[in-house]
Amino acid sequence: MQFIVKKFVGVLSLSLLLEGCGSAELAIDLVKKHQRQKKEEKAPTKVVAKPRYKIGNPYQEFGIWYYPKRDLTYDDTGLASWYGEETAVLGRPTANGEVFDPKIATAAHKTLPMPSVVRVTNLDNGKSLVVRVNDRGPFAKGRIIDLSYEGARLLGFVDQGIAKVRVQILAEQSLRLEKLAKRGEFPNLSTSDQDEMPEMVAAVEPEVNLTSKSGRVRKKLKENETQSALELLSQSRIGKVISVAPVETKIWVQVGAFRVKTSATTVLSKIKGVGPGKVSAFNHLGKRLYRVRLGPFDDVATADSMLEKIVNTGFTGARIVVD
């Protein structure tokens, strides 16, 4: 009887509110708040880890399609974020069934297999860290990777919220985790897990051209001189932050990359009303490609605004890169 009275009072209150303002939006808002309160009142359910190796099917988030794939050559630059308070919930399941812990340095990526191993380098301060990818995201436009709180802390951008980064997959370690995961084994990354380090070979013509903040002209390394930066990265230990030279970078909005130059110039002509852009050639895995970019931009807010405009014109594959 008491339940019926409460329910009647609730319905009556809702009806009076609707009658007074005639707003359907208010009714929806009240219902949603009531549902959230009910969820908060429920006792938290303990999440049982059910980890699995996962690449996954194409999926859509906020109107944009993503195509997960196994890419052992992944090497990209862009903006990193870290899990906010709404998503950084201790004990929630990750996209591959593990249990999230913000105190462990892990990452979310939109397309790489789970688990994978990547090196994330903060280009602003030179801090570099190896983390394991075990979740999907980030789905905010213009972000390429989401770090846990611990990962962001170690890379030094918790307060800033975002950082200009380079993300490189470590192929050999990723293959090792894939093999173990398919056997049902999911070891945490630690120094004891990395007896064999991946071999890293520098490209003849690097995709990312980075200029030292110091402004000093570096002399070319002789063949028998010191170790290259890639050799330094390949020898670093998992879980340990290493430091490389910080670099001065600019932020760009890249609309796309094309095999045929005329395709790139056609796209550039379609977006000329949005902002100044250009077509530039570069080599990727031995192939000559032509990319369409707008910029450079000095700050993230301007780049985010430009990216939003480009996406709204129909180029949903556009992204933010740093170079």
Protein backbone atom coordinates (compact mmCIF):
# COMPACT_ATOMS: atom_id res chain seq x y z
CA MET A 1 0.00 0.00 0.00
CA GLN A 2 2.84 2.37 0.91
CA PHE A 3 4.52 1.60 -2.44
CA ILE A 4 1.30 2.44 -4.33
CA VAL A 5 0.95 5.78 -2.48
CA LYS A 6 4.58 6.72 -3.26
CA LYS A 7 4.15 5.80 -6.89
CA PHE A 8 0.91 7.82 -7.10
CA VAL A 9 2.58 10.86 -5.51
CA GLY A 10 5.45 10.57 -7.96
CA VAL A 11 3.15 10.36 -10.97
CA LEU A 12 1.00 13.23 -9.65
CA SER A 13 4.07 15.43 -9.12
CA LEU A 14 5.27 14.70 -12.64
CA SER A 15 1.81 15.47 -14.07
CA LEU A 16 1.63 18.82 -12.25
CA LEU A 17 5.07 19.79 -13.52
CA LEU A 18 4.12 18.91 -17.08
CA GLU A 19 0.83 20.78 -16.79
CA GLY A 20 2.61 23.85 -15.44
CA CYS A 21 5.28 24.12 -18.12
CA GLY A 22 4.10 21.80 -20.86
CA SER A 23 7.65 20.60 -21.50
CA ALA A 24 8.37 17.12 -22.82
CA GLU A 25 12.08 17.78 -22.27
CA LEU A 26 11.44 18.25 -18.54
CA ALA A 27 9.66 14.91 -18.35
CA ILE A 28 12.55 13.15 -20.08
CA ASP A 29 15.05 14.83 -17.79
CA LEU A 30 13.09 13.80 -14.68
CA VAL A 31 12.86 10.20 -15.86
CA LYS A 32 16.60 10.06 -16.57
CA LYS A 33 17.42 11.50 -13.16
CA HIS A 34 15.12 8.97 -11.51
CA GLN A 35 16.84 6.14 -13.41
CA ARG A 36 20.28 7.39 -12.37
CA GLN A 37 19.20 7.60 -8.73
CA LYS A 38 17.94 4.01 -8.87
CA LYS A 39 21.28 2.86 -10.28
CA GLU A 40 23.18 4.69 -7.55
CA GLU A 41 20.99 3.12 -4.87
CA LYS A 42 21.82 -0.38 -6.04
CA ALA A 43 24.72 -2.11 -4.35
CA PRO A 44 27.81 -2.18 -6.62
CA THR A 45 28.25 -5.47 -8.42
CA LYS A 46 31.69 -6.98 -8.38
CA VAL A 47 33.00 -7.34 -11.92
CA VAL A 48 34.47 -10.73 -12.77
CA ALA A 49 37.35 -10.54 -15.22
CA LYS A 50 36.75 -12.45 -18.45
CA PRO A 51 39.71 -11.35 -20.57
CA ARG A 52 40.05 -12.44 -24.19
CA TYR A 53 42.09 -11.57 -27.26
CA LYS A 54 40.00 -9.20 -29.33
CA ILE A 55 40.29 -7.29 -32.57
CA GLY A 56 36.57 -6.88 -33.15
CA ASN A 57 34.27 -5.91 -36.00
CA PRO A 58 33.85 -2.44 -37.48
CA TYR A 59 31.83 -0.26 -35.12
CA GLN A 60 30.34 3.21 -34.98
CA GLU A 61 30.65 5.84 -32.28
CA PHE A 62 29.13 9.32 -32.52
CA GLY A 63 28.50 8.88 -36.23
CA ILE A 64 32.06 7.81 -37.11
CA TRP A 65 33.01 4.30 -38.20
CA TYR A 66 36.15 2.60 -36.89
CA TYR A 67 37.80 -0.48 -38.40
CA PRO A 68 39.88 -2.50 -35.91
CA LYS A 69 42.77 -4.40 -37.41
CA ARG A 70 46.08 -6.04 -36.60
CA ASP A 71 48.69 -3.46 -37.62
CA LEU A 72 52.23 -4.36 -36.64
CA THR A 73 53.63 -1.24 -38.36
CA TYR A 74 51.49 1.28 -36.47
CA ASP A 75 53.39 4.51 -35.85
CA ASP A 76 51.40 7.72 -35.50
CA THR A 77 51.42 11.14 -33.89
CA GLY A 78 48.54 13.10 -32.41
CA LEU A 79 46.95 14.12 -29.14
CA ALA A 80 46.67 11.87 -26.11
CA SER A 81 44.12 12.23 -23.33
CA TRP A 82 43.56 10.33 -20.11
CA TYR A 83 40.48 8.68 -18.63
CA GLY A 84 38.27 11.29 -16.98
CA GLU A 85 36.38 10.78 -13.73
CA GLU A 86 33.30 9.44 -15.53
CA THR A 87 35.17 6.59 -17.23
CA ALA A 88 38.06 6.00 -14.82
CA VAL A 89 36.06 3.74 -12.54
CA LEU A 90 38.04 1.17 -10.61
CA GLY A 91 36.74 -2.31 -11.34
CA ARG A 92 34.77 -1.63 -14.52
CA PRO A 93 35.28 -4.06 -17.41
CA THR A 94 37.49 -3.03 -20.33
CA ALA A 95 36.57 -3.72 -23.96
CA ASN A 96 38.38 -7.07 -23.92
CA GLY A 97 36.99 -8.21 -20.58
CA GLU A 98 39.80 -7.21 -18.24
CA VAL A 99 39.16 -5.19 -15.09
CA PHE A 100 40.21 -1.55 -15.28
CA ASP A 101 42.55 -0.15 -12.64
CA PRO A 102 43.53 3.55 -12.94
CA LYS A 103 46.63 2.85 -10.84
CA ILE A 104 48.08 0.62 -13.58
CA ALA A 105 49.56 2.20 -16.71
CA THR A 106 47.30 0.98 -19.53
CA ALA A 107 45.74 2.55 -22.61
CA ALA A 108 42.71 2.60 -24.86
CA HIS A 109 42.97 2.69 -28.65
CA LYS A 110 40.25 2.77 -31.29
CA THR A 111 41.56 0.06 -33.63
CA LEU A 112 44.59 -1.88 -32.34
CA PRO A 113 44.11 -5.46 -31.09
CA MET A 114 43.65 -6.03 -27.38
CA PRO A 115 46.04 -6.68 -25.84
CA SER A 116 48.77 -4.87 -27.77
CA VAL A 117 51.95 -3.20 -26.55
CA VAL A 118 52.72 0.38 -27.56
CA ARG A 119 55.30 2.98 -26.70
CA VAL A 120 53.83 6.42 -25.98
CA THR A 121 56.23 9.37 -26.06
CA ASN A 122 55.24 12.79 -24.78
CA LEU A 123 56.82 15.03 -27.43
CA ASP A 124 56.65 18.11 -25.21
CA ASN A 125 58.72 16.80 -22.30
CA GLY A 126 60.49 13.77 -23.82
CA LYS A 127 59.05 11.24 -21.35
CA SER A 128 58.42 7.85 -22.96
CA LEU A 129 56.58 4.83 -21.57
CA VAL A 130 55.51 1.37 -22.73
CA VAL A 131 51.89 0.47 -21.94
CA ARG A 132 49.44 -2.29 -22.75
CA VAL A 133 46.32 -1.53 -24.80
CA ASN A 134 43.28 -3.26 -23.30
CA ASP A 135 40.36 -0.94 -24.04
CA ARG A 136 38.61 1.02 -26.81
CA GLY A 137 38.68 4.79 -27.13
CA PRO A 138 39.12 7.71 -27.00
CA PHE A 139 36.06 8.82 -28.99
CA ALA A 140 36.57 12.55 -28.63
CA LYS A 141 37.47 13.86 -32.08
CA GLY A 142 41.17 14.43 -32.60
CA ARG A 143 42.52 12.12 -29.88
CA ILE A 144 44.51 9.02 -30.82
CA ILE A 145 45.03 7.32 -27.45
CA ASP A 146 43.60 7.40 -23.92
CA LEU A 147 45.91 6.71 -20.99
CA SER A 148 44.94 5.58 -17.51
CA TYR A 149 45.62 8.02 -14.69
CA GLU A 150 48.89 6.26 -13.89
CA GLY A 151 50.02 6.35 -17.52
CA ALA A 152 49.25 10.08 -17.75
CA ARG A 153 51.03 10.71 -14.45
CA LEU A 154 54.17 8.93 -15.57
CA LEU A 155 54.14 10.82 -18.88
CA GLY A 156 53.61 14.11 -17.04
CA PHE A 157 50.34 15.45 -18.43
CA VAL A 158 47.71 14.82 -15.75
CA ASP A 159 47.27 18.53 -15.05
CA GLN A 160 47.23 19.55 -18.72
CA GLY A 161 44.72 16.83 -19.64
CA ILE A 162 46.17 16.31 -23.11
CA ALA A 163 49.63 15.91 -24.64
CA LYS A 164 51.21 15.81 -28.07
CA VAL A 165 52.46 12.26 -28.44
CA ARG A 166 53.95 9.66 -30.72
CA VAL A 167 52.46 6.17 -30.46
CA GLN A 168 54.48 3.22 -31.78
CA ILE A 169 53.41 -0.40 -31.65
CA LEU A 170 56.04 -2.83 -30.36
CA ALA A 171 55.45 -5.70 -32.77
CA GLU A 172 57.37 -8.49 -31.07
CA GLN A 173 55.89 -7.86 -27.64
CA SER A 174 52.40 -7.48 -29.12
CA LEU A 175 52.75 -10.82 -30.90
CA ARG A 176 53.88 -12.41 -27.64
CA LEU A 177 50.83 -11.09 -25.77
CA GLU A 178 48.58 -12.22 -28.61
CA LYS A 179 49.98 -15.74 -28.40
CA LEU A 180 49.54 -15.85 -24.63
CA ALA A 181 46.04 -14.34 -24.78
CA LYS A 182 44.88 -16.97 -27.27
CA ARG A 183 46.00 -19.55 -24.69
CA GLY A 184 44.01 -17.75 -22.02
CA GLU A 185 47.03 -16.12 -20.35
CA PHE A 186 47.03 -12.38 -19.60
CA PRO A 187 50.22 -11.38 -17.77
CA ASN A 188 50.66 -7.80 -16.59
CA LEU A 189 53.51 -5.93 -18.19
CA SER A 190 56.54 -5.83 -15.96
CA THR A 191 60.29 -5.97 -16.28
CA SER A 192 60.15 -9.75 -15.84
CA ASP A 193 57.88 -10.09 -18.88
CA GLN A 194 60.36 -8.76 -21.39
CA ASP A 195 63.31 -11.01 -21.87
CA GLU A 196 63.11 -10.43 -25.62
CA MET A 197 62.82 -6.88 -26.89
CA PRO A 198 61.51 -6.01 -30.36
CA GLU A 199 63.97 -5.09 -33.07
CA MET A 200 63.31 -1.58 -34.36
CA VAL A 201 64.65 -0.38 -37.69
CA ALA A 202 64.70 3.28 -38.65
CA ALA A 203 63.10 4.24 -41.94
CA VAL A 204 65.32 5.77 -44.61
CA GLU A 205 62.94 8.75 -44.77
CA PRO A 206 61.08 9.14 -41.46
CA GLU A 207 57.39 10.03 -41.68
CA VAL A 208 57.58 12.44 -38.77
CA ASN A 209 59.99 15.32 -39.01
CA LEU A 210 60.73 16.61 -35.52
CA THR A 211 62.90 19.63 -34.69
CA SER A 212 64.73 19.89 -31.40
CA LYS A 213 63.51 22.58 -28.99
CA SER A 214 67.08 23.60 -28.28
CA GLY A 215 67.44 24.84 -31.83
CA ARG A 216 70.94 23.41 -32.07
CA VAL A 217 71.91 21.78 -35.34
CA ARG A 218 72.68 18.15 -34.68
CA LYS A 219 75.61 16.62 -36.51
CA LYS A 220 74.92 13.48 -38.49
CA LEU A 221 75.74 10.26 -36.69
CA LYS A 222 78.46 8.18 -38.22
CA GLU A 223 77.79 4.50 -38.78
CA ASN A 224 79.96 3.48 -35.82
CA GLU A 225 79.17 6.45 -33.57
CA THR A 226 76.43 6.44 -30.91
CA GLN A 227 73.12 4.62 -30.70
CA SER A 228 70.13 5.98 -32.58
CA ALA A 229 66.98 7.09 -30.79
CA LEU A 230 65.15 4.02 -32.06
CA GLU A 231 67.84 1.75 -30.63
CA LEU A 232 67.48 3.53 -27.30
CA LEU A 233 63.71 2.99 -27.35
CA SER A 234 64.02 -0.68 -28.25
CA GLN A 235 66.37 -1.34 -25.32
CA SER A 236 64.27 0.44 -22.69
CA ARG A 237 62.54 -1.59 -20.01
CA ILE A 238 58.77 -1.92 -19.78
CA GLY A 239 57.22 0.07 -16.96
CA LYS A 240 60.20 2.41 -16.74
CA VAL A 241 59.95 5.96 -18.00
CA ILE A 242 62.84 6.94 -20.22
CA SER A 243 63.68 10.41 -21.44
CA VAL A 244 64.43 11.49 -24.99
CA ALA A 245 64.92 14.99 -26.34
CA PRO A 246 61.74 17.09 -26.26
CA VAL A 247 60.72 18.38 -29.68
CA GLU A 248 59.01 21.47 -31.02
CA THR A 249 55.90 20.48 -32.97
CA LYS A 250 52.93 22.05 -34.70
CA ILE A 251 49.37 20.77 -34.79
CA TRP A 252 47.72 19.90 -38.11
CA VAL A 253 44.34 18.64 -39.23
CA GLN A 254 44.92 15.88 -41.76
CA VAL A 255 41.94 15.30 -44.03
CA GLY A 256 43.34 12.20 -45.72
CA ALA A 257 46.22 10.56 -47.57
CA PHE A 258 45.95 9.40 -51.18
CA ARG A 259 47.96 7.37 -53.67
CA VAL A 260 47.12 9.68 -56.55
CA LYS A 261 48.01 13.37 -56.33
CA THR A 262 44.95 14.48 -58.29
CA SER A 263 42.72 12.86 -55.67
CA ALA A 264 44.42 14.92 -52.98
CA THR A 265 44.09 18.17 -54.94
CA THR A 266 40.40 17.45 -55.57
CA VAL A 267 39.80 17.05 -51.81
CA LEU A 268 41.75 20.23 -51.10
CA SER A 269 39.53 22.16 -53.51
CA LYS A 270 36.42 20.88 -51.71
CA ILE A 271 37.56 22.21 -48.32
CA LYS A 272 39.16 25.49 -49.42
CA GLY A 273 36.25 27.39 -47.89
CA VAL A 274 36.97 25.92 -44.44
CA GLY A 275 40.55 27.07 -44.07
CA PRO A 276 44.02 27.24 -45.65
CA GLY A 277 45.45 23.86 -46.59
CA LYS A 278 48.04 22.19 -48.74
CA VAL A 279 49.00 18.90 -50.38
CA SER A 280 52.35 17.37 -49.45
CA ALA A 281 54.05 14.15 -50.52
CA PHE A 282 55.54 11.59 -48.13
CA ASN A 283 56.70 7.98 -48.12
CA HIS A 284 54.86 5.31 -46.14
CA LEU A 285 56.07 1.69 -46.14
CA GLY A 286 57.89 2.28 -49.39
CA LYS A 287 54.90 3.91 -51.12
CA ARG A 288 54.57 7.51 -52.24
CA LEU A 289 51.41 9.11 -50.82
CA TYR A 290 49.88 12.58 -50.92
CA ARG A 291 48.27 14.02 -47.82
CA VAL A 292 45.88 16.92 -47.43
CA ARG A 293 46.46 19.03 -44.34
CA LEU A 294 45.20 22.26 -42.82
CA GLY A 295 47.36 24.29 -40.50
CA PRO A 296 49.65 24.47 -38.72
CA PHE A 297 47.84 25.54 -35.55
CA ASP A 298 49.51 26.76 -32.39
CA ASP A 299 46.89 25.52 -29.95
CA VAL A 300 44.61 22.52 -29.50
CA ALA A 301 41.39 24.53 -29.28
CA THR A 302 41.87 25.98 -32.76
CA ALA A 303 42.74 22.58 -34.19
CA ASP A 304 39.69 21.01 -32.53
CA SER A 305 37.45 23.69 -34.02
CA MET A 306 38.91 23.18 -37.49
CA LEU A 307 38.58 19.40 -37.21
CA GLU A 308 34.92 19.77 -36.29
CA LYS A 309 34.31 21.87 -39.40
CA ILE A 310 36.08 19.35 -41.65
CA VAL A 311 34.13 16.42 -40.20
CA ASN A 312 30.90 18.33 -40.73
CA THR A 313 31.72 18.68 -44.43
CA GLY A 314 31.66 14.89 -44.72
CA PHE A 315 35.30 13.94 -44.21
CA THR A 316 34.74 11.83 -41.09
CA GLY A 317 38.19 10.24 -41.37
CA ALA A 318 39.96 13.54 -40.72
CA ARG A 319 42.21 13.61 -37.67
CA ILE A 320 44.66 15.73 -35.72
CA VAL A 321 48.37 15.00 -36.15
CA VAL A 322 51.49 16.69 -34.80
CA ASP A 323 54.64 17.24 -36.81
